[in-house]
């Protein structure tokens, strides 16, 4: 499991990359819970580690940093699961489109009308 990024570095690109690594991990289901009073919490379940004696627990992610990733289009929210006490969304990382090299106009083939 990746360590949770420090909320004090919420604007740091390394913290954003760490968050995207956690959210993009297919073995880690990250959820956003929104309470009726507007409180938002991003979290995931960290399973117990065999042999260490550590039990499983929920791990909260920095809300401001996750909200910034969402507004930047780096993460998406799934269909809402509505409950009287909260609404829950599955959070997924957005896959970047593969970079296509720009073609220089000088190198593009010239088509001439006959």
Protein backbone atom coordinates (compact mmCIF):
# COMPACT_ATOMS: atom_id res chain seq x y z
CA UNK A 1 0.00 0.00 0.00
CA UNK A 2 1.12 3.52 -0.74
CA UNK A 3 1.41 5.94 2.18
CA UNK A 4 -1.23 8.64 2.34
CA UNK A 5 0.13 11.98 1.14
CA UNK A 6 0.56 14.74 3.70
CA UNK A 7 -2.38 17.19 3.51
CA UNK A 8 0.03 20.08 4.14
CA UNK A 9 1.45 19.37 0.67
CA UNK A 10 -1.98 19.32 -0.99
CA UNK A 11 -0.86 21.62 -3.82
CA UNK A 12 2.41 19.79 -4.35
CA UNK A 13 2.63 17.87 -7.62
CA UNK A 14 4.30 14.95 -5.84
CA UNK A 15 1.36 14.74 -3.41
CA UNK A 16 -1.02 14.82 -6.39
CA UNK A 17 0.95 12.04 -8.07
CA UNK A 18 0.84 9.99 -4.84
CA UNK A 19 -2.93 10.50 -4.62
CA UNK A 20 -3.39 9.46 -8.24
CA UNK A 21 -1.29 6.35 -7.58
CA UNK A 22 -3.55 5.38 -4.66
CA UNK A 23 -6.76 6.17 -6.56
CA UNK A 24 -5.54 4.48 -9.75
CA UNK A 25 -4.50 1.26 -7.99
CA UNK A 26 -6.97 -1.39 -9.22
CA UNK A 27 -6.74 -3.20 -5.86
CA UNK A 28 -7.79 -0.10 -3.90
CA UNK A 29 -11.40 1.05 -4.05
CA UNK A 30 -11.57 4.76 -3.20
CA UNK A 31 -14.89 6.35 -2.33
CA UNK A 32 -16.21 9.87 -1.76
CA UNK A 33 -18.84 10.20 0.95
CA UNK A 34 -20.95 13.36 1.01
CA UNK A 35 -23.05 14.01 4.13
CA UNK A 36 -26.32 16.03 4.08
CA UNK A 37 -24.53 18.93 5.80
CA UNK A 38 -22.09 19.10 2.85
CA UNK A 39 -19.11 17.41 4.56
CA UNK A 40 -17.02 15.48 2.02
CA UNK A 41 -14.59 12.67 2.77
CA UNK A 42 -12.45 10.64 0.35
CA UNK A 43 -11.31 7.32 1.80
CA UNK A 44 -10.37 3.72 1.11
CA UNK A 45 -10.13 0.50 3.10
CA UNK A 46 -6.62 -0.64 3.94
CA UNK A 47 -6.73 -4.41 4.54
CA UNK A 48 -4.89 -6.06 7.43
CA UNK A 49 -1.25 -6.90 6.85
CA UNK A 50 -0.52 -10.55 7.61
CA UNK A 51 2.30 -11.17 10.05
CA UNK A 52 2.47 -7.60 11.33
CA UNK A 53 -0.48 -7.64 13.69
CA UNK A 54 -1.95 -4.58 11.98
CA UNK A 55 -5.69 -4.68 11.56
CA UNK A 56 -7.59 -3.24 8.63
CA UNK A 57 -8.81 0.35 8.77
CA UNK A 58 -10.29 3.14 6.72
CA UNK A 59 -7.77 5.67 5.48
CA UNK A 60 -8.90 9.23 4.73
CA UNK A 61 -7.34 11.13 1.85
CA UNK A 62 -6.89 14.93 1.92
CA UNK A 63 -10.23 16.35 0.78
CA UNK A 64 -8.86 19.62 -0.63
CA UNK A 65 -6.27 17.82 -2.75
CA UNK A 66 -8.82 15.27 -4.04
CA UNK A 67 -11.31 18.05 -4.82
CA UNK A 68 -8.56 19.85 -6.75
CA UNK A 69 -7.84 16.67 -8.76
CA UNK A 70 -11.58 16.32 -9.48
CA UNK A 71 -11.94 19.92 -10.65
CA UNK A 72 -8.84 19.47 -12.84
CA UNK A 73 -10.44 16.41 -14.49
CA UNK A 74 -7.83 13.97 -13.14
CA UNK A 75 -10.38 11.86 -11.20
CA UNK A 76 -14.03 11.07 -11.88
CA UNK A 77 -16.96 10.13 -9.70
CA UNK A 78 -19.13 7.12 -10.44
CA UNK A 79 -22.88 6.78 -10.07
CA UNK A 80 -24.15 7.97 -6.69
CA UNK A 81 -25.38 5.50 -4.09
CA UNK A 82 -27.91 7.54 -2.14
CA UNK A 83 -28.68 6.76 1.48
CA UNK A 84 -30.63 9.00 3.92
CA UNK A 85 -27.42 9.65 5.88
CA UNK A 86 -24.98 10.07 2.96
CA UNK A 87 -24.31 9.80 -0.75
CA UNK A 88 -21.37 7.66 -1.81
CA UNK A 89 -19.46 7.79 -5.11
CA UNK A 90 -16.75 5.49 -6.44
CA UNK A 91 -13.67 7.53 -7.32
CA UNK A 92 -11.51 6.57 -10.28
CA UNK A 93 -8.43 8.06 -11.86
CA UNK A 94 -8.82 9.37 -15.40
CA UNK A 95 -6.50 7.71 -17.85
CA UNK A 96 -4.39 10.12 -19.79
CA UNK A 97 -4.73 9.99 -23.54
CA UNK A 98 -1.55 8.76 -25.19
CA UNK A 99 0.57 11.60 -26.43
CA UNK A 100 0.70 11.90 -30.18
CA UNK A 101 3.70 13.63 -31.63
CA UNK A 102 2.95 16.87 -33.40
CA UNK A 103 3.57 16.71 -37.12
CA UNK A 104 5.52 19.60 -38.50
CA UNK A 105 3.88 21.25 -41.53
CA UNK A 106 7.21 20.86 -43.34
CA UNK A 107 7.10 17.09 -42.86
CA UNK A 108 3.43 16.59 -43.72
CA UNK A 109 2.89 15.22 -47.21
CA UNK A 110 1.89 17.84 -49.74
CA UNK A 111 -1.17 16.98 -51.77
CA UNK A 112 -1.38 18.75 -55.08
CA UNK A 113 -4.52 19.07 -57.10
CA UNK A 114 -4.22 17.58 -60.55
